[in-house]
C-alpha atoms as a PDB file:
ATOM      1  CA  MET A   1       8.562   3.903   6.418  1.00  0.00           C
ATOM      2  CA  LEU A   2       8.478   0.169   5.965  1.00  0.00           C
ATOM      3  CA  HIS A   3      10.371  -2.132   3.638  1.00  0.00           C
ATOM      4  CA  LEU A   4       9.335  -5.522   2.297  1.00  0.00           C
ATOM      5  CA  SER A   5      11.546  -7.195   4.890  1.00  0.00           C
ATOM      6  CA  ASP A   6       9.288  -5.685   7.599  1.00  0.00           C
ATOM      7  CA  LEU A   7       6.212  -7.515   6.275  1.00  0.00           C
ATOM      8  CA  SER A   8       4.997 -10.991   7.078  1.00  0.00           C
ATOM      9  CA  ARG A   9       3.653 -13.475   4.580  1.00  0.00           C
ATOM     10  CA  GLY A  10       0.232 -12.367   3.326  1.00  0.00           C
ATOM     11  CA  GLU A  11       0.524  -8.790   4.603  1.00  0.00           C
ATOM     12  CA  ARG A  12      -0.484  -5.909   2.368  1.00  0.00           C
ATOM     13  CA  ALA A  13       1.234  -2.574   1.960  1.00  0.00           C
ATOM     14  CA  ARG A  14       1.060   0.476  -0.265  1.00  0.00           C
ATOM     15  CA  VAL A  15       4.008   1.935  -2.164  1.00  0.00           C
ATOM     16  CA  VAL A  16       4.867   5.402  -0.846  1.00  0.00           C
ATOM     17  CA  GLY A  17       7.965   5.967  -2.949  1.00  0.00           C
ATOM     18  CA  TYR A  18      11.570   4.935  -3.440  1.00  0.00           C
ATOM     19  CA  SER A  19      14.606   5.581  -1.267  1.00  0.00           C
ATOM     20  CA  ASP A  20      16.587   6.424  -4.419  1.00  0.00           C
ATOM     21  CA  PRO A  21      14.162   7.129  -7.285  1.00  0.00           C
ATOM     22  CA  GLU A  22      17.006   7.506  -9.793  1.00  0.00           C
ATOM     23  CA  ALA A  23      18.510   4.083  -9.083  1.00  0.00           C
ATOM     24  CA  PRO A  24      18.271   1.802 -12.116  1.00  0.00           C
ATOM     25  CA  TYR A  25      16.290  -0.816 -10.236  1.00  0.00           C
ATOM     26  CA  ALA A  26      13.829   1.789  -8.921  1.00  0.00           C
ATOM     27  CA  ARG A  27      13.167   2.865 -12.501  1.00  0.00           C
ATOM     28  CA  HIS A  28      12.674  -0.786 -13.489  1.00  0.00           C
ATOM     29  CA  LEU A  29      10.125  -1.362 -10.698  1.00  0.00           C
ATOM     30  CA  THR A  30       8.325   1.825 -11.714  1.00  0.00           C
ATOM     31  CA  SER A  31       8.110   0.594 -15.293  1.00  0.00           C
ATOM     32  CA  LEU A  32       6.526  -2.623 -13.987  1.00  0.00           C
ATOM     33  CA  GLY A  33       3.798  -0.546 -12.343  1.00  0.00           C
ATOM     34  CA  LEU A  34       5.046  -0.255  -8.763  1.00  0.00           C
ATOM     35  CA  ILE A  35       4.258   3.434  -8.550  1.00  0.00           C
ATOM     36  CA  PRO A  36       3.254   5.367  -5.431  1.00  0.00           C
ATOM     37  CA  GLY A  37      -0.218   4.341  -4.327  1.00  0.00           C
ATOM     38  CA  THR A  38       0.047   0.784  -5.664  1.00  0.00           C
ATOM     39  CA  GLU A  39      -1.066  -1.843  -3.163  1.00  0.00           C
ATOM     40  CA  LEU A  40       0.954  -5.040  -2.978  1.00  0.00           C
ATOM     41  CA  ARG A  41       0.837  -8.281  -1.022  1.00  0.00           C
ATOM     42  CA  LEU A  42       3.862 -10.179   0.190  1.00  0.00           C
ATOM     43  CA  VAL A  43       3.257 -13.713  -1.057  1.00  0.00           C
ATOM     44  CA  ARG A  44       6.280 -15.473   0.400  1.00  0.00           C
ATOM     45  CA  TYR A  45       9.944 -15.502   1.170  1.00  0.00           C
ATOM     46  CA  ALA A  46      12.125 -18.236  -0.313  1.00  0.00           C
ATOM     47  CA  PRO A  47      13.419 -20.697   2.306  1.00  0.00           C
ATOM     48  CA  LEU A  48      16.673 -18.772   2.777  1.00  0.00           C
ATOM     49  CA  GLY A  49      14.986 -15.351   2.505  1.00  0.00           C
ATOM     50  CA  ASP A  50      16.072 -14.676  -1.060  1.00  0.00           C
ATOM     51  CA  PRO A  51      14.097 -13.973  -3.229  1.00  0.00           C
ATOM     52  CA  ILE A  52      10.834 -12.365  -2.108  1.00  0.00           C
ATOM     53  CA  GLU A  53       7.628 -12.891  -4.086  1.00  0.00           C
ATOM     54  CA  ILE A  54       5.061 -10.088  -4.201  1.00  0.00           C
ATOM     55  CA  GLU A  55       1.730  -9.697  -5.952  1.00  0.00           C
ATOM     56  CA  PHE A  56       0.249  -6.453  -7.272  1.00  0.00           C
ATOM     57  CA  ARG A  57      -2.374  -5.723  -9.904  1.00  0.00           C
ATOM     58  CA  GLY A  58      -2.750  -9.448 -10.589  1.00  0.00           C
ATOM     59  CA  ALA A  59       0.956  -9.948 -11.368  1.00  0.00           C
ATOM     60  CA  HIS A  60       3.461 -11.956  -9.341  1.00  0.00           C
ATOM     61  CA  VAL A  61       7.007 -10.568  -9.225  1.00  0.00           C
ATOM     62  CA  VAL A  62      10.065 -12.012  -7.544  1.00  0.00           C
ATOM     63  CA  LEU A  63      12.652  -9.587  -6.143  1.00  0.00           C
ATOM     64  CA  ARG A  64      16.003  -9.932  -4.457  1.00  0.00           C
ATOM     65  CA  PRO A  65      16.022  -8.355  -0.980  1.00  0.00           C
ATOM     66  CA  LYS A  66      18.635  -5.744  -1.927  1.00  0.00           C
ATOM     67  CA  GLU A  67      16.524  -4.741  -4.953  1.00  0.00           C
ATOM     68  CA  ALA A  68      13.311  -4.692  -2.916  1.00  0.00           C
ATOM     69  CA  PHE A  69      14.930  -2.465  -0.281  1.00  0.00           C
ATOM     70  CA  VAL A  70      14.519   0.619  -2.508  1.00  0.00           C
ATOM     71  CA  LEU A  71      10.736   0.377  -2.035  1.00  0.00           C
ATOM     72  CA  GLU A  72       9.296   2.543   0.736  1.00  0.00           C
ATOM     73  CA  LEU A  73       5.966   1.242   1.981  1.00  0.00           C
ATOM     74  CA  GLU A  74       3.147   1.893   4.439  1.00  0.00           C
ATOM     75  CA  ARG A  75       0.712  -0.681   5.790  1.00  0.00           C
ATOM     76  CA  SER A  76      -2.638  -0.660   4.043  1.00  0.00           C
END
């Protein structure tokens, strides 16, 4: 399994699941549409690594690294 921190700028990955699906932030990301099978692209890291900007389904979302860590990914 990969996490967003394992990706480089511009890389694409697919959501496999969540490390803790019941965590409040995992439920929030699910409600935004980051469900298993969703492809995303890492747009950029902020200069100090926090936050991380991703794009999926035409939307741009900014996540803190600790919030993004619940995402489990695979390269697409």
